[in-house]
Amino acid sequence: MKEEGKEAESKVAQAPSEDFEKKERAKIIHKLINQLPEPQRSLVYFRHIEEKDYNEISELMEMNENAIRVSISRARKQLREMLQTQYSSWTI
């Protein structure tokens, strides 16, 4: 029983630092998304921040769904490259 209590205490102690780390990573990712050119920035925002499906984005942006998929794929690649360049200590 004492071991279970120690585990719970350890998890509680780690939670604030893990929460802080998640928030910091989210800030960095938002910053990088904002550096993307249009329309990639908007497409990534709609897809990953607002969690819209490709059909909804197609209607909003008046673009072909395949073009949206390709653009988002290229934007993800660009984001990975930006992360590796600017934050080389991160693993993707």
C-alpha atoms as a PDB file:
ATOM      1  CA  MET A   1       0.000   0.000   0.000  1.00  0.00           C
ATOM      2  CA  LYS A   2       2.812   2.449   0.787  1.00  0.00           C
ATOM      3  CA  GLU A   3       4.259   1.893  -2.692  1.00  0.00           C
ATOM      4  CA  GLU A   4       0.939   2.894  -4.295  1.00  0.00           C
ATOM      5  CA  GLY A   5       0.925   6.112  -2.280  1.00  0.00           C
ATOM      6  CA  LYS A   6       4.452   6.951  -3.392  1.00  0.00           C
ATOM      7  CA  GLU A   7       3.531   6.342  -7.031  1.00  0.00           C
ATOM      8  CA  ALA A   8       0.506   8.622  -6.738  1.00  0.00           C
ATOM      9  CA  GLU A   9       2.625  11.331  -5.076  1.00  0.00           C
ATOM     10  CA  SER A  10       5.227  11.008  -7.817  1.00  0.00           C
ATOM     11  CA  LYS A  11       2.590  11.386 -10.546  1.00  0.00           C
ATOM     12  CA  VAL A  12       1.113  14.437  -8.842  1.00  0.00           C
ATOM     13  CA  ALA A  13       4.558  15.991  -8.506  1.00  0.00           C
ATOM     14  CA  GLN A  14       5.272  15.415 -12.211  1.00  0.00           C
ATOM     15  CA  ALA A  15       1.936  16.699 -13.446  1.00  0.00           C
ATOM     16  CA  PRO A  16       2.692  20.463 -13.187  1.00  0.00           C
ATOM     17  CA  SER A  17       5.988  20.136 -15.039  1.00  0.00           C
ATOM     18  CA  GLU A  18       4.409  17.937 -17.707  1.00  0.00           C
ATOM     19  CA  ASP A  19       1.554  20.416 -18.062  1.00  0.00           C
ATOM     20  CA  PHE A  20       4.044  23.275 -18.392  1.00  0.00           C
ATOM     21  CA  GLU A  21       6.000  21.351 -21.027  1.00  0.00           C
ATOM     22  CA  LYS A  22       2.846  20.646 -23.053  1.00  0.00           C
ATOM     23  CA  LYS A  23       1.876  24.323 -22.940  1.00  0.00           C
ATOM     24  CA  GLU A  24       5.358  25.392 -24.034  1.00  0.00           C
ATOM     25  CA  ARG A  25       5.327  22.945 -26.937  1.00  0.00           C
ATOM     26  CA  ALA A  26       1.892  24.179 -27.978  1.00  0.00           C
ATOM     27  CA  LYS A  27       3.153  27.790 -27.952  1.00  0.00           C
ATOM     28  CA  ILE A  28       6.108  26.845 -30.131  1.00  0.00           C
ATOM     29  CA  ILE A  29       3.944  24.941 -32.596  1.00  0.00           C
ATOM     30  CA  HIS A  30       1.471  27.844 -32.837  1.00  0.00           C
ATOM     31  CA  LYS A  31       4.397  30.204 -33.425  1.00  0.00           C
ATOM     32  CA  LEU A  32       5.702  27.984 -36.229  1.00  0.00           C
ATOM     33  CA  ILE A  33       2.246  27.638 -37.791  1.00  0.00           C
ATOM     34  CA  ASN A  34       2.006  31.433 -37.868  1.00  0.00           C
ATOM     35  CA  GLN A  35       5.251  31.517 -39.865  1.00  0.00           C
ATOM     36  CA  LEU A  36       3.751  29.408 -42.661  1.00  0.00           C
ATOM     37  CA  PRO A  37       2.703  31.207 -45.834  1.00  0.00           C
ATOM     38  CA  GLU A  38      -0.942  31.497 -46.783  1.00  0.00           C
ATOM     39  CA  PRO A  39      -2.961  29.418 -47.566  1.00  0.00           C
ATOM     40  CA  GLN A  40      -0.943  26.743 -45.712  1.00  0.00           C
ATOM     41  CA  ARG A  41      -1.313  28.596 -42.419  1.00  0.00           C
ATOM     42  CA  SER A  42      -5.102  28.690 -42.692  1.00  0.00           C
ATOM     43  CA  LEU A  43      -5.344  25.104 -43.889  1.00  0.00           C
ATOM     44  CA  VAL A  44      -3.239  23.777 -41.004  1.00  0.00           C
ATOM     45  CA  TYR A  45      -5.191  25.939 -38.572  1.00  0.00           C
ATOM     46  CA  PHE A  46      -8.562  24.644 -39.787  1.00  0.00           C
ATOM     47  CA  ARG A  47      -7.393  21.024 -39.909  1.00  0.00           C
ATOM     48  CA  HIS A  48      -5.364  20.721 -36.715  1.00  0.00           C
ATOM     49  CA  ILE A  49      -6.503  23.518 -34.420  1.00  0.00           C
ATOM     50  CA  GLU A  50     -10.205  23.668 -35.281  1.00  0.00           C
ATOM     51  CA  GLU A  51     -10.233  19.943 -36.246  1.00  0.00           C
ATOM     52  CA  LYS A  52     -12.332  20.471 -39.372  1.00  0.00           C
ATOM     53  CA  ASP A  53     -12.554  17.706 -41.947  1.00  0.00           C
ATOM     54  CA  TYR A  54     -11.302  18.156 -45.497  1.00  0.00           C
ATOM     55  CA  ASN A  55     -14.802  18.688 -46.886  1.00  0.00           C
ATOM     56  CA  GLU A  56     -15.480  21.554 -44.465  1.00  0.00           C
ATOM     57  CA  ILE A  57     -12.143  23.155 -45.284  1.00  0.00           C
ATOM     58  CA  SER A  58     -12.865  22.751 -48.986  1.00  0.00           C
ATOM     59  CA  GLU A  59     -16.096  24.693 -48.600  1.00  0.00           C
ATOM     60  CA  LEU A  60     -14.507  27.397 -46.435  1.00  0.00           C
ATOM     61  CA  MET A  61     -11.480  27.920 -48.645  1.00  0.00           C
ATOM     62  CA  GLU A  62     -13.211  27.173 -51.966  1.00  0.00           C
ATOM     63  CA  MET A  63     -10.436  24.723 -52.838  1.00  0.00           C
ATOM     64  CA  ASN A  64     -10.317  21.182 -54.159  1.00  0.00           C
ATOM     65  CA  GLU A  65      -9.973  18.585 -51.367  1.00  0.00           C
ATOM     66  CA  ASN A  66      -6.949  16.970 -53.025  1.00  0.00           C
ATOM     67  CA  ALA A  67      -5.209  20.335 -53.250  1.00  0.00           C
ATOM     68  CA  ILE A  68      -5.918  20.853 -49.553  1.00  0.00           C
ATOM     69  CA  ARG A  69      -4.454  17.453 -48.656  1.00  0.00           C
ATOM     70  CA  VAL A  70      -1.309  18.145 -50.666  1.00  0.00           C
ATOM     71  CA  SER A  71      -0.903  21.633 -49.201  1.00  0.00           C
ATOM     72  CA  ILE A  72      -1.367  20.393 -45.629  1.00  0.00           C
ATOM     73  CA  SER A  73       1.112  17.574 -46.241  1.00  0.00           C
ATOM     74  CA  ARG A  74       3.678  20.069 -47.511  1.00  0.00           C
ATOM     75  CA  ALA A  75       2.975  22.360 -44.568  1.00  0.00           C
ATOM     76  CA  ARG A  76       3.559  19.489 -42.120  1.00  0.00           C
ATOM     77  CA  LYS A  77       6.875  18.736 -43.816  1.00  0.00           C
ATOM     78  CA  GLN A  78       7.833  22.395 -43.585  1.00  0.00           C
ATOM     79  CA  LEU A  79       6.843  22.475 -39.890  1.00  0.00           C
ATOM     80  CA  ARG A  80       9.007  19.404 -39.204  1.00  0.00           C
ATOM     81  CA  GLU A  81      11.942  21.090 -40.915  1.00  0.00           C
ATOM     82  CA  MET A  82      11.361  24.305 -38.979  1.00  0.00           C
ATOM     83  CA  LEU A  83      11.240  22.351 -35.716  1.00  0.00           C
ATOM     84  CA  GLN A  84      14.451  20.529 -36.510  1.00  0.00           C
ATOM     85  CA  THR A  85      16.204  23.758 -37.482  1.00  0.00           C
ATOM     86  CA  GLN A  86      14.976  25.999 -34.690  1.00  0.00           C
ATOM     87  CA  TYR A  87      14.565  23.416 -31.942  1.00  0.00           C
ATOM     88  CA  SER A  88      17.104  20.734 -32.830  1.00  0.00           C
ATOM     89  CA  SER A  89      16.916  19.155 -29.370  1.00  0.00           C
ATOM     90  CA  TRP A  90      13.328  18.028 -30.059  1.00  0.00           C
ATOM     91  CA  THR A  91      12.639  14.602 -31.401  1.00  0.00           C
ATOM     92  CA  ILE A  92       9.765  14.225 -33.814  1.00  0.00           C
END
